[in-house]
Amino acid sequence: MAENNLTTSWGKPVTGEKSTFIALLLSFFLPGVGIIYAGRVGLGVVILILTVLLAAVFVGIIFWIYGMYKAYKMCVENNRIWADYLASRA
């Protein structure tokens, strides 16, 4: 199979479809893990650490919600790029 050179806006190679449901589910139970699943390990770890450190205050909830949103958006972008690639090969 030929290399496709598709990348997301954050530089991750797109090799297939990512589940937005799984990203949201992971982020719901472990903030930041959905972002790691979507391909941004550093950002996911930062969100996870900040959420844990700030869990005692309201700010932790903001990072938790942001993590779910970001994981969803990252998977949507990945899937759009992958769908465009597949459509161009048809």
Protein backbone atom coordinates (compact mmCIF):
# COMPACT_ATOMS: atom_id res chain seq x y z
CA MET A 1 0.00 0.00 0.00
CA ALA A 2 1.37 3.41 -0.96
CA GLU A 3 2.14 5.99 1.70
CA ASN A 4 -0.55 8.68 1.73
CA ASN A 5 1.25 11.65 3.43
CA LEU A 6 -2.01 12.83 5.04
CA THR A 7 -1.57 14.81 8.26
CA THR A 8 -3.85 16.63 10.68
CA SER A 9 -3.44 20.29 11.59
CA TRP A 10 -1.31 19.20 14.57
CA GLY A 11 0.99 17.08 12.39
CA LYS A 12 -0.29 13.56 13.18
CA PRO A 13 -0.33 11.18 10.22
CA VAL A 14 -3.86 10.09 9.31
CA THR A 15 -3.87 6.34 8.85
CA GLY A 16 -7.53 5.55 9.36
CA GLU A 17 -10.75 6.57 10.99
CA LYS A 18 -10.96 7.43 14.71
CA SER A 19 -14.11 6.91 16.75
CA THR A 20 -15.48 10.16 18.14
CA PHE A 21 -17.60 8.11 20.56
CA ILE A 22 -14.55 6.34 21.98
CA ALA A 23 -12.70 9.66 22.26
CA LEU A 24 -15.60 11.21 24.19
CA LEU A 25 -16.02 8.13 26.38
CA LEU A 26 -12.33 8.00 27.25
CA SER A 27 -12.30 11.74 27.99
CA PHE A 28 -15.40 11.44 30.14
CA PHE A 29 -13.88 8.83 32.44
CA LEU A 30 -10.23 9.96 32.26
CA PRO A 31 -9.80 13.57 31.14
CA GLY A 32 -7.11 13.86 28.47
CA VAL A 33 -7.09 10.20 27.46
CA GLY A 34 -9.45 10.89 24.54
CA ILE A 35 -6.96 13.47 23.26
CA ILE A 36 -4.17 10.91 23.60
CA TYR A 37 -6.34 8.46 21.61
CA ALA A 38 -6.83 11.13 18.94
CA GLY A 39 -3.06 11.56 18.60
CA ARG A 40 -1.86 14.46 20.78
CA VAL A 41 -0.12 12.70 23.65
CA GLY A 42 1.49 15.82 25.14
CA LEU A 43 -1.73 17.83 25.26
CA GLY A 44 -3.62 14.84 26.65
CA VAL A 45 -1.12 14.39 29.47
CA VAL A 46 -1.28 18.11 30.30
CA ILE A 47 -5.10 18.01 30.44
CA LEU A 48 -4.99 14.90 32.63
CA ILE A 49 -2.47 16.40 35.05
CA LEU A 50 -4.25 19.76 35.25
CA THR A 51 -7.60 18.10 35.84
CA VAL A 52 -6.20 15.93 38.63
CA LEU A 53 -4.35 18.84 40.24
CA LEU A 54 -7.34 21.15 40.02
CA ALA A 55 -10.04 18.57 40.73
CA ALA A 56 -10.70 20.05 44.16
CA VAL A 57 -11.78 23.33 42.61
CA PHE A 58 -14.18 24.27 39.87
CA VAL A 59 -11.38 24.82 37.33
CA GLY A 60 -10.80 21.05 37.04
CA ILE A 61 -14.28 20.66 35.58
CA ILE A 62 -13.42 23.17 32.87
CA PHE A 63 -10.39 21.11 31.80
CA TRP A 64 -12.51 17.93 31.91
CA ILE A 65 -15.11 19.46 29.58
CA TYR A 66 -12.43 20.98 27.33
CA GLY A 67 -10.75 17.56 27.06
CA MET A 68 -13.96 15.93 25.85
CA TYR A 69 -14.57 18.74 23.33
CA LYS A 70 -11.01 18.68 22.01
CA ALA A 71 -10.93 14.88 21.66
CA TYR A 72 -14.18 14.97 19.68
CA LYS A 73 -12.99 17.78 17.37
CA MET A 74 -9.64 16.09 16.74
CA CYS A 75 -11.31 12.82 15.71
CA VAL A 76 -13.74 14.70 13.45
CA GLU A 77 -10.81 16.37 11.67
CA ASN A 78 -8.94 13.06 11.37
CA ASN A 79 -12.04 11.37 9.92
CA ARG A 80 -12.70 14.22 7.46
CA ILE A 81 -9.14 14.02 6.12
CA TRP A 82 -9.37 10.23 5.87
CA ALA A 83 -12.74 10.39 4.06
CA ASP A 84 -11.37 12.96 1.59
CA TYR A 85 -8.39 10.72 0.95
CA LEU A 86 -10.57 7.66 0.35
CA ALA A 87 -12.88 9.66 -1.94
CA SER A 88 -9.91 10.86 -3.99
CA ARG A 89 -8.81 7.25 -4.56
CA ALA A 90 -12.22 6.17 -5.89
